[in-house]
């Protein structure tokens, strides 16, 4: 994480192991609402897309993300799809709040 002091990066790396991890095999999609109500998602491994999930019409790709990427949680109705076998860390609200209290880290996120 460029621009983040090592002390803040350490807090980040210390809290991630306590967060839930979701494995998504290639081709599998999950709705945002099924990801344990995250505030932030960290892509640990693989490549995912986040798409809107309209009731009618075609999907629109909102994001393509690879290893090391951070993204705010998708909306409940959006779909997260693994393009290859992927692993996501789901950062819940309480942990997210703790991380956002760190000035440099909050600017990166």
C-alpha atoms as a PDB file:
ATOM      1  CA  UNK A   1       0.000   0.000   0.000  1.00  0.00           C
ATOM      2  CA  UNK A   2       1.839   3.003  -1.305  1.00  0.00           C
ATOM      3  CA  UNK A   3       1.730   6.052   0.924  1.00  0.00           C
ATOM      4  CA  UNK A   4       0.605   4.155   4.034  1.00  0.00           C
ATOM      5  CA  UNK A   5       3.012   4.227   6.993  1.00  0.00           C
ATOM      6  CA  UNK A   6       4.215   0.806   8.094  1.00  0.00           C
ATOM      7  CA  UNK A   7       2.409   1.177  11.438  1.00  0.00           C
ATOM      8  CA  UNK A   8      -0.967   1.575   9.678  1.00  0.00           C
ATOM      9  CA  UNK A   9      -0.195  -1.178   7.160  1.00  0.00           C
ATOM     10  CA  UNK A  10       0.595  -3.466  10.105  1.00  0.00           C
ATOM     11  CA  UNK A  11      -2.812  -2.767  11.704  1.00  0.00           C
ATOM     12  CA  UNK A  12      -4.425  -3.598   8.351  1.00  0.00           C
ATOM     13  CA  UNK A  13      -2.496  -6.866   7.987  1.00  0.00           C
ATOM     14  CA  UNK A  14      -3.169  -7.756  11.646  1.00  0.00           C
ATOM     15  CA  UNK A  15      -6.974  -7.423  11.395  1.00  0.00           C
ATOM     16  CA  UNK A  16      -7.467  -9.156   8.034  1.00  0.00           C
ATOM     17  CA  UNK A  17      -6.943 -12.705   9.356  1.00  0.00           C
ATOM     18  CA  UNK A  18      -9.928 -12.210  11.692  1.00  0.00           C
ATOM     19  CA  UNK A  19     -12.226 -11.346   8.760  1.00  0.00           C
ATOM     20  CA  UNK A  20     -14.268 -13.933   6.873  1.00  0.00           C
ATOM     21  CA  UNK A  21     -12.782 -15.327   3.661  1.00  0.00           C
ATOM     22  CA  UNK A  22     -14.918 -16.317   0.679  1.00  0.00           C
ATOM     23  CA  UNK A  23     -13.598 -18.700  -1.960  1.00  0.00           C
ATOM     24  CA  UNK A  24     -15.202 -18.309  -5.376  1.00  0.00           C
ATOM     25  CA  UNK A  25     -14.416 -20.945  -7.990  1.00  0.00           C
ATOM     26  CA  UNK A  26     -14.073 -19.731 -11.581  1.00  0.00           C
ATOM     27  CA  UNK A  27     -17.448 -18.880 -13.116  1.00  0.00           C
ATOM     28  CA  UNK A  28     -19.335 -18.677  -9.814  1.00  0.00           C
ATOM     29  CA  UNK A  29     -21.379 -15.568  -8.973  1.00  0.00           C
ATOM     30  CA  UNK A  30     -22.632 -14.374  -5.601  1.00  0.00           C
ATOM     31  CA  UNK A  31     -24.986 -11.519  -4.890  1.00  0.00           C
ATOM     32  CA  UNK A  32     -23.585  -8.739  -2.734  1.00  0.00           C
ATOM     33  CA  UNK A  33     -26.157  -9.532  -0.037  1.00  0.00           C
ATOM     34  CA  UNK A  34     -24.636 -12.992   0.421  1.00  0.00           C
ATOM     35  CA  UNK A  35     -21.189 -11.695   1.427  1.00  0.00           C
ATOM     36  CA  UNK A  36     -21.755 -11.302   5.182  1.00  0.00           C
ATOM     37  CA  UNK A  37     -22.702  -7.602   4.955  1.00  0.00           C
ATOM     38  CA  UNK A  38     -19.199  -6.325   4.237  1.00  0.00           C
ATOM     39  CA  UNK A  39     -18.069  -2.740   4.156  1.00  0.00           C
ATOM     40  CA  UNK A  40     -14.938  -3.536   2.181  1.00  0.00           C
ATOM     41  CA  UNK A  41     -13.695  -6.420   0.062  1.00  0.00           C
ATOM     42  CA  UNK A  42     -10.037  -7.307  -0.426  1.00  0.00           C
ATOM     43  CA  UNK A  43      -9.202  -9.483  -3.415  1.00  0.00           C
ATOM     44  CA  UNK A  44      -6.558 -11.862  -2.097  1.00  0.00           C
ATOM     45  CA  UNK A  45      -6.274 -14.108  -5.148  1.00  0.00           C
ATOM     46  CA  UNK A  46      -7.851 -14.323  -8.582  1.00  0.00           C
ATOM     47  CA  UNK A  47      -9.861 -11.894 -10.679  1.00  0.00           C
ATOM     48  CA  UNK A  48     -13.467 -10.850 -10.119  1.00  0.00           C
ATOM     49  CA  UNK A  49     -16.003  -8.620 -11.786  1.00  0.00           C
ATOM     50  CA  UNK A  50     -18.739  -6.722 -10.025  1.00  0.00           C
ATOM     51  CA  UNK A  51     -21.858  -6.362 -12.178  1.00  0.00           C
ATOM     52  CA  UNK A  52     -25.223  -4.807 -11.637  1.00  0.00           C
ATOM     53  CA  UNK A  53     -28.031  -7.323 -11.595  1.00  0.00           C
ATOM     54  CA  UNK A  54     -30.998  -5.666 -13.318  1.00  0.00           C
ATOM     55  CA  UNK A  55     -34.415  -7.241 -13.237  1.00  0.00           C
ATOM     56  CA  UNK A  56     -34.615  -6.803 -17.029  1.00  0.00           C
ATOM     57  CA  UNK A  57     -31.978  -6.257 -19.666  1.00  0.00           C
ATOM     58  CA  UNK A  58     -28.294  -7.002 -19.739  1.00  0.00           C
ATOM     59  CA  UNK A  59     -25.759  -6.713 -16.957  1.00  0.00           C
ATOM     60  CA  UNK A  60     -23.278  -3.887 -16.845  1.00  0.00           C
ATOM     61  CA  UNK A  61     -19.771  -4.608 -15.569  1.00  0.00           C
ATOM     62  CA  UNK A  62     -19.019  -2.064 -12.862  1.00  0.00           C
ATOM     63  CA  UNK A  63     -15.520  -3.223 -11.845  1.00  0.00           C
ATOM     64  CA  UNK A  64     -12.819  -5.699 -12.777  1.00  0.00           C
ATOM     65  CA  UNK A  65     -10.469  -6.372  -9.860  1.00  0.00           C
ATOM     66  CA  UNK A  66      -7.359  -8.465  -9.309  1.00  0.00           C
ATOM     67  CA  UNK A  67      -5.089  -9.486  -6.445  1.00  0.00           C
ATOM     68  CA  UNK A  68      -4.467  -6.798  -3.847  1.00  0.00           C
ATOM     69  CA  UNK A  69      -7.417  -4.648  -4.906  1.00  0.00           C
ATOM     70  CA  UNK A  70      -9.677  -3.055  -2.303  1.00  0.00           C
ATOM     71  CA  UNK A  71     -13.228  -2.084  -3.107  1.00  0.00           C
ATOM     72  CA  UNK A  72     -16.239  -0.894  -1.166  1.00  0.00           C
ATOM     73  CA  UNK A  73     -18.786  -3.634  -0.755  1.00  0.00           C
ATOM     74  CA  UNK A  74     -21.062  -4.230  -3.720  1.00  0.00           C
ATOM     75  CA  UNK A  75     -24.684  -3.272  -3.341  1.00  0.00           C
ATOM     76  CA  UNK A  76     -26.952  -6.074  -2.157  1.00  0.00           C
ATOM     77  CA  UNK A  77     -28.365  -6.594  -5.652  1.00  0.00           C
ATOM     78  CA  UNK A  78     -25.009  -6.485  -7.476  1.00  0.00           C
ATOM     79  CA  UNK A  79     -23.250  -9.706  -8.455  1.00  0.00           C
ATOM     80  CA  UNK A  80     -19.632 -10.625  -7.747  1.00  0.00           C
ATOM     81  CA  UNK A  81     -18.345 -13.127 -10.335  1.00  0.00           C
ATOM     82  CA  UNK A  82     -15.033 -14.965 -10.269  1.00  0.00           C
ATOM     83  CA  UNK A  83     -13.343 -15.046 -13.663  1.00  0.00           C
ATOM     84  CA  UNK A  84     -10.748 -17.488 -12.289  1.00  0.00           C
ATOM     85  CA  UNK A  85     -10.564 -19.275  -8.939  1.00  0.00           C
ATOM     86  CA  UNK A  86     -10.615 -16.376  -6.481  1.00  0.00           C
ATOM     87  CA  UNK A  87     -10.413 -15.642  -2.786  1.00  0.00           C
ATOM     88  CA  UNK A  88     -11.924 -12.554  -1.131  1.00  0.00           C
ATOM     89  CA  UNK A  89     -11.543 -11.204   2.389  1.00  0.00           C
ATOM     90  CA  UNK A  90     -14.792  -9.667   3.577  1.00  0.00           C
ATOM     91  CA  UNK A  91     -14.193  -6.771   5.970  1.00  0.00           C
ATOM     92  CA  UNK A  92     -17.253  -6.219   8.220  1.00  0.00           C
ATOM     93  CA  UNK A  93     -18.402  -2.795   9.388  1.00  0.00           C
ATOM     94  CA  UNK A  94     -16.783  -2.872  12.828  1.00  0.00           C
ATOM     95  CA  UNK A  95     -13.349  -3.687  11.393  1.00  0.00           C
ATOM     96  CA  UNK A  96     -13.866  -1.186   8.577  1.00  0.00           C
ATOM     97  CA  UNK A  97     -14.575   1.539  11.150  1.00  0.00           C
ATOM     98  CA  UNK A  98     -11.342   0.711  12.940  1.00  0.00           C
ATOM     99  CA  UNK A  99      -9.383   0.875   9.687  1.00  0.00           C
ATOM    100  CA  UNK A 100     -10.965   4.169   8.632  1.00  0.00           C
ATOM    101  CA  UNK A 101      -9.755   5.730  11.880  1.00  0.00           C
ATOM    102  CA  UNK A 102      -6.205   5.439  10.452  1.00  0.00           C
ATOM    103  CA  UNK A 103      -5.651   8.622   8.393  1.00  0.00           C
ATOM    104  CA  UNK A 104      -3.334   7.368   5.631  1.00  0.00           C
ATOM    105  CA  UNK A 105      -5.188   4.085   5.203  1.00  0.00           C
ATOM    106  CA  UNK A 106      -8.554   5.837   4.968  1.00  0.00           C
ATOM    107  CA  UNK A 107      -7.208   7.969   2.094  1.00  0.00           C
ATOM    108  CA  UNK A 108      -6.124   4.844   0.197  1.00  0.00           C
ATOM    109  CA  UNK A 109      -9.477   3.150   0.655  1.00  0.00           C
END
